[in-house]
Amino acid sequence: MKTAPFSSFKHPSSALPVLALLALAWGFMVFGHDYIGRTLANSWDINARQAFNARFTVIGGVMGAVFLVVCLIATLRSGRFIIQKLAYFGLTAVLALLAFKYLLVVNSEIMHFPQYALVAVLVYVLLGNFPETLFFTIFLGILDEAYQFFVLAPEKTSYVDFNDMWLNAIGGAIGLLIAGSLLPRRLAPKSRYLSPRSPVVITIIMTTLVVALLFFTGILGYQYTPGGPDKYYLMRQTLDTFWTKADFQVTYHIVRPLEGLIGLCLIWAAYLPMERLFVVENAESDT
C-alpha cells in the first residue's frame, strides 16, 4: 500500500496551525525588520564594522556547518540519488558564498538565509510540493522587499532590493534541502497552484500586464533620470557602474530589476528537478 505525503492534510482545519505559524514567522520578519535591524546595530555597534561583521561571519559559519552535517548524514542514510543530492548541496553552497561575497553590505544580511529557509520548510509542510514551495517562498520574499521599498522606508530606500530577494530565494533553496532531507515522504502531490489555468498563474499574467501598462504610460519608470517623465521609479538613483562602493571599503553589486527577475526565475528553475530526488515515487516495500 502506498503511503500519502506527510504534508497532505485530510481536512483544511488541520493545516491551520502550520499556516498560522507561517504567517507569524513571516510577519515577524517583515514588520519587525526595522526594529530588529536597529536593535542589532545598536547592541553590537555597527560602527565597529570589523567586529560587527565578524560576529555574523561566525554565526553564518556555525549555521552552515550544522546544516551541512545534519542534511548530509540524512542524505547518506537515505541511500538514494546521493551524487545528485550532493550536487544540489554544492550548488546551494556556491550560491550562498557568492551572495555573501558580492551582494552584502553588512554581514548581518546573512540572516535572510535562515529566515527564508524556515519559511520554505513551513510552506513545504503545507503543500508537499517542491516547485510550489520554492515559488511561494520567492514570492513572499518579493512581497517583503516591496513592503520595505514602498511602505516601510521609501525615503531611505533608493532601489527595490533585488539583492535581498536573491538572498531570500537562496534561503528558500536551503529550506528545500532541509525539508527534503529531514522530512521524507512518499509520492509528490501534483501541483495545484501552478497549473496553466490556476488563479495564481492567471494573477501573475495579469500583474505582468498591469506593470507593463504602467511602464508604457509613464507612470512607472525603470531608473531615475533627471527631468524624466515617469512618476515612480524602481530605482531612485542613477547607477552607471557594475560595482558600488559603500562605507568601510565594501564593494558590492546592486542587482538591477531586470537581472533580478531573471535571476529569481533561474534559481526557481534550477531546483525544479530536485523533487524526484527526495520523493520515493514507487513504494513497493510499503504494505
C-alpha atoms as a PDB file:
ATOM      1  CA  MET A   1       0.000   0.000   0.000  1.00  0.00           C
ATOM      2  CA  LYS A   2       1.347   3.397  -0.928  1.00  0.00           C
ATOM      3  CA  THR A   3       1.517   5.968   1.812  1.00  0.00           C
ATOM      4  CA  ALA A   4       0.381   9.560   1.371  1.00  0.00           C
ATOM      5  CA  PRO A   5       2.717  12.546   1.642  1.00  0.00           C
ATOM      6  CA  PHE A   6       3.261  13.569   5.229  1.00  0.00           C
ATOM      7  CA  SER A   7       2.025  17.043   4.316  1.00  0.00           C
ATOM      8  CA  SER A   8      -1.346  16.003   2.914  1.00  0.00           C
ATOM      9  CA  PHE A   9      -3.880  17.339   5.388  1.00  0.00           C
ATOM     10  CA  LYS A  10      -7.130  15.364   5.483  1.00  0.00           C
ATOM     11  CA  HIS A  11      -9.096  18.452   6.428  1.00  0.00           C
ATOM     12  CA  PRO A  12      -8.275  22.128   5.813  1.00  0.00           C
ATOM     13  CA  SER A  13      -8.564  22.880   9.525  1.00  0.00           C
ATOM     14  CA  SER A  14      -5.620  20.559  10.220  1.00  0.00           C
ATOM     15  CA  ALA A  15      -3.385  22.877   8.212  1.00  0.00           C
ATOM     16  CA  LEU A  16      -4.374  25.960  10.208  1.00  0.00           C
ATOM     17  CA  PRO A  17      -1.669  25.633  12.929  1.00  0.00           C
ATOM     18  CA  VAL A  18       1.097  25.443  10.314  1.00  0.00           C
ATOM     19  CA  LEU A  19      -0.453  28.278   8.321  1.00  0.00           C
ATOM     20  CA  ALA A  20      -0.696  30.391  11.473  1.00  0.00           C
ATOM     21  CA  LEU A  21       2.945  29.653  12.329  1.00  0.00           C
ATOM     22  CA  LEU A  22       3.973  30.604   8.788  1.00  0.00           C
ATOM     23  CA  ALA A  23       2.022  33.873   8.975  1.00  0.00           C
ATOM     24  CA  LEU A  24       3.519  34.633  12.384  1.00  0.00           C
ATOM     25  CA  ALA A  25       7.095  33.895  11.299  1.00  0.00           C
ATOM     26  CA  TRP A  26       6.872  35.802   8.024  1.00  0.00           C
ATOM     27  CA  GLY A  27       5.011  38.709   9.620  1.00  0.00           C
ATOM     28  CA  PHE A  28       7.653  38.971  12.325  1.00  0.00           C
ATOM     29  CA  MET A  29      10.379  39.090   9.665  1.00  0.00           C
ATOM     30  CA  VAL A  30       8.608  41.742   7.589  1.00  0.00           C
ATOM     31  CA  PHE A  31       7.080  44.027  10.197  1.00  0.00           C
ATOM     32  CA  GLY A  32       9.837  43.567  12.754  1.00  0.00           C
ATOM     33  CA  HIS A  33      12.589  44.123  10.210  1.00  0.00           C
ATOM     34  CA  ASP A  34      13.327  47.740  11.122  1.00  0.00           C
ATOM     35  CA  TYR A  35      13.208  47.177  14.883  1.00  0.00           C
ATOM     36  CA  ILE A  36      15.407  44.070  14.753  1.00  0.00           C
ATOM     37  CA  GLY A  37      17.930  45.773  12.471  1.00  0.00           C
ATOM     38  CA  ARG A  38      18.222  48.848  14.697  1.00  0.00           C
ATOM     39  CA  THR A  39      18.473  46.713  17.835  1.00  0.00           C
ATOM     40  CA  LEU A  40      21.309  44.612  16.420  1.00  0.00           C
ATOM     41  CA  ALA A  41      23.102  47.684  15.063  1.00  0.00           C
ATOM     42  CA  ASN A  42      22.969  49.376  18.461  1.00  0.00           C
ATOM     43  CA  SER A  43      23.671  46.307  20.598  1.00  0.00           C
ATOM     44  CA  TRP A  44      26.644  45.095  18.591  1.00  0.00           C
ATOM     45  CA  ASP A  45      27.812  48.551  17.433  1.00  0.00           C
ATOM     46  CA  ILE A  46      27.557  48.524  13.668  1.00  0.00           C
ATOM     47  CA  ASN A  47      30.111  51.354  13.510  1.00  0.00           C
ATOM     48  CA  ALA A  48      32.759  48.927  14.731  1.00  0.00           C
ATOM     49  CA  ARG A  49      32.260  47.254  11.395  1.00  0.00           C
ATOM     50  CA  GLN A  50      35.039  44.664  11.546  1.00  0.00           C
ATOM     51  CA  ALA A  51      33.851  43.212  14.865  1.00  0.00           C
ATOM     52  CA  PHE A  52      30.195  43.511  13.812  1.00  0.00           C
ATOM     53  CA  ASN A  53      30.818  41.576  10.595  1.00  0.00           C
ATOM     54  CA  ALA A  54      32.967  39.009  12.388  1.00  0.00           C
ATOM     55  CA  ARG A  55      30.086  38.116  14.709  1.00  0.00           C
ATOM     56  CA  PHE A  56      27.783  37.336  11.824  1.00  0.00           C
ATOM     57  CA  THR A  57      30.501  35.524   9.918  1.00  0.00           C
ATOM     58  CA  VAL A  58      30.869  33.154  12.874  1.00  0.00           C
ATOM     59  CA  ILE A  59      27.081  32.786  13.212  1.00  0.00           C
ATOM     60  CA  GLY A  60      26.757  32.041   9.495  1.00  0.00           C
ATOM     61  CA  GLY A  61      29.624  29.573   9.586  1.00  0.00           C
ATOM     62  CA  VAL A  62      28.167  27.653  12.522  1.00  0.00           C
ATOM     63  CA  MET A  63      24.669  27.539  10.995  1.00  0.00           C
ATOM     64  CA  GLY A  64      26.094  26.464   7.652  1.00  0.00           C
ATOM     65  CA  ALA A  65      28.161  23.702   9.243  1.00  0.00           C
ATOM     66  CA  VAL A  66      25.169  22.368  11.208  1.00  0.00           C
ATOM     67  CA  PHE A  67      23.001  22.472   8.083  1.00  0.00           C
ATOM     68  CA  LEU A  68      25.551  20.572   6.002  1.00  0.00           C
ATOM     69  CA  VAL A  69      26.342  17.936   8.620  1.00  0.00           C
ATOM     70  CA  VAL A  70      22.717  17.158   9.507  1.00  0.00           C
ATOM     71  CA  CYS A  71      21.465  17.111   5.917  1.00  0.00           C
ATOM     72  CA  LEU A  72      24.463  15.175   4.598  1.00  0.00           C
ATOM     73  CA  ILE A  73      24.002  12.482   7.232  1.00  0.00           C
ATOM     74  CA  ALA A  74      20.331  12.194   6.279  1.00  0.00           C
ATOM     75  CA  THR A  75      21.257  12.062   2.596  1.00  0.00           C
ATOM     76  CA  LEU A  76      23.858   9.333   3.051  1.00  0.00           C
ATOM     77  CA  ARG A  77      21.467   7.286   5.183  1.00  0.00           C
ATOM     78  CA  SER A  78      18.760   7.518   2.509  1.00  0.00           C
ATOM     79  CA  GLY A  79      20.974   5.658   0.022  1.00  0.00           C
ATOM     80  CA  ARG A  80      19.169   7.195  -2.978  1.00  0.00           C
ATOM     81  CA  PHE A  81      20.460   9.652  -5.580  1.00  0.00           C
ATOM     82  CA  ILE A  82      23.391  10.529  -3.336  1.00  0.00           C
ATOM     83  CA  ILE A  83      25.530  12.095  -6.085  1.00  0.00           C
ATOM     84  CA  GLN A  84      22.673  14.222  -7.407  1.00  0.00           C
ATOM     85  CA  LYS A  85      21.728  15.374  -3.918  1.00  0.00           C
ATOM     86  CA  LEU A  86      25.344  16.279  -3.155  1.00  0.00           C
ATOM     87  CA  ALA A  87      25.377  18.306  -6.376  1.00  0.00           C
ATOM     88  CA  TYR A  88      22.433  20.344  -5.097  1.00  0.00           C
ATOM     89  CA  PHE A  89      24.161  20.850  -1.764  1.00  0.00           C
ATOM     90  CA  GLY A  90      27.204  22.078  -3.669  1.00  0.00           C
ATOM     91  CA  LEU A  91      25.141  24.396  -5.888  1.00  0.00           C
ATOM     92  CA  THR A  92      23.403  25.906  -2.864  1.00  0.00           C
ATOM     93  CA  ALA A  93      26.672  26.388  -1.003  1.00  0.00           C
ATOM     94  CA  VAL A  94      28.228  28.125  -4.022  1.00  0.00           C
ATOM     95  CA  LEU A  95      25.216  30.432  -4.421  1.00  0.00           C
ATOM     96  CA  ALA A  96      25.322  31.323  -0.722  1.00  0.00           C
ATOM     97  CA  LEU A  97      29.069  32.020  -0.797  1.00  0.00           C
ATOM     98  CA  LEU A  98      28.822  34.146  -3.952  1.00  0.00           C
ATOM     99  CA  ALA A  99      25.969  36.126  -2.425  1.00  0.00           C
ATOM    100  CA  PHE A 100      27.984  36.561   0.781  1.00  0.00           C
ATOM    101  CA  LYS A 101      30.949  37.906  -1.145  1.00  0.00           C
ATOM    102  CA  TYR A 102      29.298  40.091  -3.771  1.00  0.00           C
ATOM    103  CA  LEU A 103      25.834  41.116  -2.548  1.00  0.00           C
ATOM    104  CA  LEU A 104      26.219  42.029   1.143  1.00  0.00           C
ATOM    105  CA  VAL A 105      26.916  45.477   2.516  1.00  0.00           C
ATOM    106  CA  VAL A 106      26.972  44.229   6.121  1.00  0.00           C
ATOM    107  CA  ASN A 107      27.270  40.602   7.155  1.00  0.00           C
ATOM    108  CA  SER A 108      24.090  40.742   9.249  1.00  0.00           C
ATOM    109  CA  GLU A 109      22.234  40.287   5.951  1.00  0.00           C
ATOM    110  CA  ILE A 110      23.121  36.588   6.004  1.00  0.00           C
ATOM    111  CA  MET A 111      20.134  36.251   8.348  1.00  0.00           C
ATOM    112  CA  HIS A 112      17.995  36.209   5.197  1.00  0.00           C
ATOM    113  CA  PHE A 113      19.185  32.625   4.684  1.00  0.00           C
ATOM    114  CA  PRO A 114      17.814  31.049   7.904  1.00  0.00           C
ATOM    115  CA  GLN A 115      14.726  33.275   7.845  1.00  0.00           C
ATOM    116  CA  TYR A 116      13.574  32.124   4.438  1.00  0.00           C
ATOM    117  CA  ALA A 117      14.797  28.586   4.999  1.00  0.00           C
ATOM    118  CA  LEU A 118      12.248  28.479   7.821  1.00  0.00           C
ATOM    119  CA  VAL A 119       9.571  29.955   5.542  1.00  0.00           C
ATOM    120  CA  ALA A 120      10.312  27.303   2.902  1.00  0.00           C
ATOM    121  CA  VAL A 121      10.088  24.437   5.410  1.00  0.00           C
ATOM    122  CA  LEU A 122       6.703  25.662   6.652  1.00  0.00           C
ATOM    123  CA  VAL A 123       5.387  26.166   3.114  1.00  0.00           C
ATOM    124  CA  TYR A 124       6.621  22.684   2.223  1.00  0.00           C
ATOM    125  CA  VAL A 125       4.772  21.174   5.178  1.00  0.00           C
ATOM    126  CA  LEU A 126       1.611  22.838   3.880  1.00  0.00           C
ATOM    127  CA  LEU A 127       1.989  21.963   0.189  1.00  0.00           C
ATOM    128  CA  GLY A 128       4.362  18.986  -0.001  1.00  0.00           C
ATOM    129  CA  ASN A 129       5.379  20.100  -3.483  1.00  0.00           C
ATOM    130  CA  PHE A 130       8.930  21.317  -4.234  1.00  0.00           C
ATOM    131  CA  PRO A 131       8.228  23.656  -7.191  1.00  0.00           C
ATOM    132  CA  GLU A 132       5.295  25.301  -5.424  1.00  0.00           C
ATOM    133  CA  THR A 133       7.232  25.596  -2.173  1.00  0.00           C
ATOM    134  CA  LEU A 134      10.137  27.473  -3.745  1.00  0.00           C
ATOM    135  CA  PHE A 135       7.802  29.572  -5.901  1.00  0.00           C
ATOM    136  CA  PHE A 136       5.738  30.802  -2.950  1.00  0.00           C
ATOM    137  CA  THR A 137       8.842  31.309  -0.802  1.00  0.00           C
ATOM    138  CA  ILE A 138      10.348  33.517  -3.516  1.00  0.00           C
ATOM    139  CA  PHE A 139       7.021  35.331  -3.842  1.00  0.00           C
ATOM    140  CA  LEU A 140       6.902  36.032  -0.098  1.00  0.00           C
ATOM    141  CA  GLY A 141      10.477  37.321  -0.334  1.00  0.00           C
ATOM    142  CA  ILE A 142       9.424  39.701  -3.105  1.00  0.00           C
ATOM    143  CA  LEU A 143       6.498  40.977  -1.010  1.00  0.00           C
ATOM    144  CA  ASP A 144       8.883  41.513   1.907  1.00  0.00           C
ATOM    145  CA  GLU A 145      11.230  43.721  -0.111  1.00  0.00           C
ATOM    146  CA  ALA A 146       8.378  45.524  -1.883  1.00  0.00           C
ATOM    147  CA  TYR A 147       6.924  46.435   1.517  1.00  0.00           C
ATOM    148  CA  GLN A 148      10.259  47.882   2.590  1.00  0.00           C
ATOM    149  CA  PHE A 149      10.621  49.883  -0.627  1.00  0.00           C
ATOM    150  CA  PHE A 150       7.100  51.281  -0.963  1.00  0.00           C
ATOM    151  CA  VAL A 151       5.826  51.396   2.649  1.00  0.00           C
ATOM    152  CA  LEU A 152       8.414  50.919   5.399  1.00  0.00           C
ATOM    153  CA  ALA A 153      11.069  53.431   4.403  1.00  0.00           C
ATOM    154  CA  PRO A 154      10.558  54.864   0.900  1.00  0.00           C
ATOM    155  CA  GLU A 155      12.571  57.964   1.809  1.00  0.00           C
ATOM    156  CA  LYS A 156      15.582  55.844   2.829  1.00  0.00           C
ATOM    157  CA  THR A 157      15.422  53.177   0.116  1.00  0.00           C
ATOM    158  CA  SER A 158      16.973  54.076  -3.223  1.00  0.00           C
ATOM    159  CA  TYR A 159      16.002  50.952  -5.141  1.00  0.00           C
ATOM    160  CA  VAL A 160      13.918  47.787  -4.968  1.00  0.00           C
ATOM    161  CA  ASP A 161      16.310  45.472  -3.172  1.00  0.00           C
ATOM    162  CA  PHE A 162      16.733  42.525  -5.528  1.00  0.00           C
ATOM    163  CA  ASN A 163      19.927  41.722  -3.632  1.00  0.00           C
ATOM    164  CA  ASP A 164      17.800  40.729  -0.668  1.00  0.00           C
ATOM    165  CA  MET A 165      15.308  38.958  -2.935  1.00  0.00           C
ATOM    166  CA  TRP A 166      18.156  36.763  -4.185  1.00  0.00           C
ATOM    167  CA  LEU A 167      19.222  36.110  -0.576  1.00  0.00           C
ATOM    168  CA  ASN A 168      15.632  35.168   0.262  1.00  0.00           C
ATOM    169  CA  ALA A 169      15.470  32.795  -2.717  1.00  0.00           C
ATOM    170  CA  ILE A 170      18.739  31.105  -1.735  1.00  0.00           C
ATOM    171  CA  GLY A 171      17.373  30.774   1.792  1.00  0.00           C
ATOM    172  CA  GLY A 172      14.310  29.115   0.275  1.00  0.00           C
ATOM    173  CA  ALA A 173      16.556  26.657  -1.569  1.00  0.00           C
ATOM    174  CA  ILE A 174      18.300  25.855   1.715  1.00  0.00           C
ATOM    175  CA  GLY A 175      14.893  25.228   3.256  1.00  0.00           C
ATOM    176  CA  LEU A 176      14.014  22.837   0.433  1.00  0.00           C
ATOM    177  CA  LEU A 177      17.155  20.815   1.089  1.00  0.00           C
ATOM    178  CA  ILE A 178      16.364  20.710   4.807  1.00  0.00           C
ATOM    179  CA  ALA A 179      12.771  19.625   4.148  1.00  0.00           C
ATOM    180  CA  GLY A 180      13.762  17.058   1.543  1.00  0.00           C
ATOM    181  CA  SER A 181      16.470  15.570   3.765  1.00  0.00           C
ATOM    182  CA  LEU A 182      14.689  15.539   7.112  1.00  0.00           C
ATOM    183  CA  LEU A 183      11.036  15.204   6.122  1.00  0.00           C
ATOM    184  CA  PRO A 184      10.982  12.191   3.774  1.00  0.00           C
ATOM    185  CA  ARG A 185       7.666  11.309   2.178  1.00  0.00           C
ATOM    186  CA  ARG A 186       6.054   9.117  -0.420  1.00  0.00           C
ATOM    187  CA  LEU A 187       4.588  10.392  -3.665  1.00  0.00           C
ATOM    188  CA  ALA A 188       4.762  14.049  -4.647  1.00  0.00           C
ATOM    189  CA  PRO A 189       1.311  15.639  -4.833  1.00  0.00           C
ATOM    190  CA  LYS A 190       0.506  17.254  -8.157  1.00  0.00           C
ATOM    191  CA  SER A 191       0.844  20.988  -8.481  1.00  0.00           C
ATOM    192  CA  ARG A 192      -2.406  22.641  -7.507  1.00  0.00           C
ATOM    193  CA  TYR A 193      -1.443  26.284  -7.800  1.00  0.00           C
ATOM    194  CA  LEU A 194       0.961  26.419 -10.736  1.00  0.00           C
ATOM    195  CA  SER A 195      -1.122  24.666 -13.392  1.00  0.00           C
ATOM    196  CA  PRO A 196      -1.743  26.808 -16.520  1.00  0.00           C
ATOM    197  CA  ARG A 197      -5.281  27.780 -15.547  1.00  0.00           C
ATOM    198  CA  SER A 198      -4.775  28.179 -11.819  1.00  0.00           C
ATOM    199  CA  PRO A 199      -5.680  31.503 -10.155  1.00  0.00           C
ATOM    200  CA  VAL A 200      -2.032  32.003  -9.229  1.00  0.00           C
ATOM    201  CA  VAL A 201      -0.792  31.780 -12.814  1.00  0.00           C
ATOM    202  CA  ILE A 202      -3.630  33.965 -14.074  1.00  0.00           C
ATOM    203  CA  THR A 203      -2.828  36.550 -11.388  1.00  0.00           C
ATOM    204  CA  ILE A 204       0.852  36.548 -12.392  1.00  0.00           C
ATOM    205  CA  ILE A 205      -0.072  37.126 -16.031  1.00  0.00           C
ATOM    206  CA  MET A 206      -2.483  39.934 -15.144  1.00  0.00           C
ATOM    207  CA  THR A 207       0.042  41.569 -12.819  1.00  0.00           C
ATOM    208  CA  THR A 208       2.676  41.442 -15.547  1.00  0.00           C
ATOM    209  CA  LEU A 209       0.292  43.128 -17.964  1.00  0.00           C
ATOM    210  CA  VAL A 210      -0.569  45.839 -15.424  1.00  0.00           C
ATOM    211  CA  VAL A 211       3.108  46.553 -14.712  1.00  0.00           C
ATOM    212  CA  ALA A 212       3.819  46.668 -18.452  1.00  0.00           C
ATOM    213  CA  LEU A 213       0.950  49.150 -18.843  1.00  0.00           C
ATOM    214  CA  LEU A 214       2.370  51.323 -16.048  1.00  0.00           C
ATOM    215  CA  PHE A 215       5.722  51.394 -17.832  1.00  0.00           C
ATOM    216  CA  PHE A 216       4.081  52.133 -21.179  1.00  0.00           C
ATOM    217  CA  THR A 217       2.018  55.034 -19.816  1.00  0.00           C
ATOM    218  CA  GLY A 218       4.956  56.622 -18.000  1.00  0.00           C
ATOM    219  CA  ILE A 219       3.576  56.124 -14.504  1.00  0.00           C
ATOM    220  CA  LEU A 220       6.370  53.731 -13.600  1.00  0.00           C
ATOM    221  CA  GLY A 221       9.990  54.032 -14.699  1.00  0.00           C
ATOM    222  CA  TYR A 222      12.980  51.714 -14.509  1.00  0.00           C
ATOM    223  CA  GLN A 223      15.750  54.031 -13.290  1.00  0.00           C
ATOM    224  CA  TYR A 224      15.603  57.669 -12.305  1.00  0.00           C
ATOM    225  CA  THR A 225      16.738  60.157 -14.917  1.00  0.00           C
ATOM    226  CA  PRO A 226      16.854  63.914 -14.210  1.00  0.00           C
ATOM    227  CA  GLY A 227      13.859  65.577 -15.854  1.00  0.00           C
ATOM    228  CA  GLY A 228      12.372  62.203 -16.823  1.00  0.00           C
ATOM    229  CA  PRO A 229       8.620  61.923 -17.411  1.00  0.00           C
ATOM    230  CA  ASP A 230       7.973  58.978 -15.100  1.00  0.00           C
ATOM    231  CA  LYS A 231       6.283  59.477 -11.726  1.00  0.00           C
ATOM    232  CA  TYR A 232       7.589  56.416  -9.865  1.00  0.00           C
ATOM    233  CA  TYR A 233      10.847  54.530 -10.284  1.00  0.00           C
ATOM    234  CA  LEU A 234      12.063  51.064  -9.343  1.00  0.00           C
ATOM    235  CA  MET A 235      15.485  52.653  -8.859  1.00  0.00           C
ATOM    236  CA  ARG A 236      15.506  56.153  -7.419  1.00  0.00           C
ATOM    237  CA  GLN A 237      19.197  56.670  -8.049  1.00  0.00           C
ATOM    238  CA  THR A 238      21.277  56.584 -11.206  1.00  0.00           C
ATOM    239  CA  LEU A 239      23.667  53.630 -11.391  1.00  0.00           C
ATOM    240  CA  ASP A 240      26.341  53.815 -14.051  1.00  0.00           C
ATOM    241  CA  THR A 241      28.780  51.176 -12.791  1.00  0.00           C
ATOM    242  CA  PHE A 242      28.541  47.469 -12.068  1.00  0.00           C
ATOM    243  CA  TRP A 243      30.201  47.725  -8.649  1.00  0.00           C
ATOM    244  CA  THR A 244      29.159  50.087  -5.870  1.00  0.00           C
ATOM    245  CA  LYS A 245      31.443  51.186  -3.057  1.00  0.00           C
ATOM    246  CA  ALA A 246      29.958  51.652   0.406  1.00  0.00           C
ATOM    247  CA  ASP A 247      31.446  52.774   3.698  1.00  0.00           C
ATOM    248  CA  PHE A 248      34.204  50.756   5.348  1.00  0.00           C
ATOM    249  CA  GLN A 249      35.714  49.892   1.940  1.00  0.00           C
ATOM    250  CA  VAL A 250      32.919  47.498   0.999  1.00  0.00           C
ATOM    251  CA  THR A 251      32.416  46.837  -2.709  1.00  0.00           C
ATOM    252  CA  TYR A 252      29.231  45.087  -3.781  1.00  0.00           C
ATOM    253  CA  HIS A 253      26.897  44.756  -6.737  1.00  0.00           C
ATOM    254  CA  ILE A 254      23.425  46.311  -6.781  1.00  0.00           C
ATOM    255  CA  VAL A 255      21.171  43.900  -8.648  1.00  0.00           C
ATOM    256  CA  ARG A 256      19.065  45.726 -11.233  1.00  0.00           C
ATOM    257  CA  PRO A 257      15.360  44.839 -11.598  1.00  0.00           C
ATOM    258  CA  LEU A 258      15.705  43.021 -14.921  1.00  0.00           C
ATOM    259  CA  GLU A 259      18.657  40.865 -13.895  1.00  0.00           C
ATOM    260  CA  GLY A 260      16.969  40.405 -10.512  1.00  0.00           C
ATOM    261  CA  LEU A 261      13.830  38.906 -12.050  1.00  0.00           C
ATOM    262  CA  ILE A 262      15.865  36.745 -14.423  1.00  0.00           C
ATOM    263  CA  GLY A 263      17.985  35.523 -11.508  1.00  0.00           C
ATOM    264  CA  LEU A 264      14.930  34.605  -9.445  1.00  0.00           C
ATOM    265  CA  CYS A 265      13.481  32.656 -12.370  1.00  0.00           C
ATOM    266  CA  LEU A 266      16.779  30.820 -12.879  1.00  0.00           C
ATOM    267  CA  ILE A 267      17.033  29.895  -9.188  1.00  0.00           C
ATOM    268  CA  TRP A 268      13.492  28.521  -9.257  1.00  0.00           C
ATOM    269  CA  ALA A 269      14.125  26.597 -12.494  1.00  0.00           C
ATOM    270  CA  ALA A 270      17.426  25.166 -11.216  1.00  0.00           C
ATOM    271  CA  TYR A 271      15.704  23.459  -8.287  1.00  0.00           C
ATOM    272  CA  LEU A 272      12.728  22.051 -10.199  1.00  0.00           C
ATOM    273  CA  PRO A 273      14.383  18.644 -10.880  1.00  0.00           C
ATOM    274  CA  MET A 274      15.142  18.238  -7.178  1.00  0.00           C
ATOM    275  CA  GLU A 275      11.644  16.910  -6.441  1.00  0.00           C
ATOM    276  CA  ARG A 276      12.324  13.463  -7.897  1.00  0.00           C
ATOM    277  CA  LEU A 277      15.481  13.072  -5.794  1.00  0.00           C
ATOM    278  CA  PHE A 278      13.758  13.350  -2.449  1.00  0.00           C
ATOM    279  CA  VAL A 279      10.473  11.625  -3.208  1.00  0.00           C
ATOM    280  CA  VAL A 280      10.038   7.870  -3.418  1.00  0.00           C
ATOM    281  CA  GLU A 281       7.624   7.603  -6.321  1.00  0.00           C
ATOM    282  CA  ASN A 282       7.152   3.853  -6.032  1.00  0.00           C
ATOM    283  CA  ALA A 283       6.859   2.353  -2.602  1.00  0.00           C
ATOM    284  CA  GLU A 284       6.700  -1.340  -3.402  1.00  0.00           C
ATOM    285  CA  SER A 285       8.034  -2.207   0.026  1.00  0.00           C
ATOM    286  CA  ASP A 286       5.174  -0.432   1.790  1.00  0.00           C
ATOM    287  CA  THR A 287       2.414  -2.759   2.799  1.00  0.00           C
END
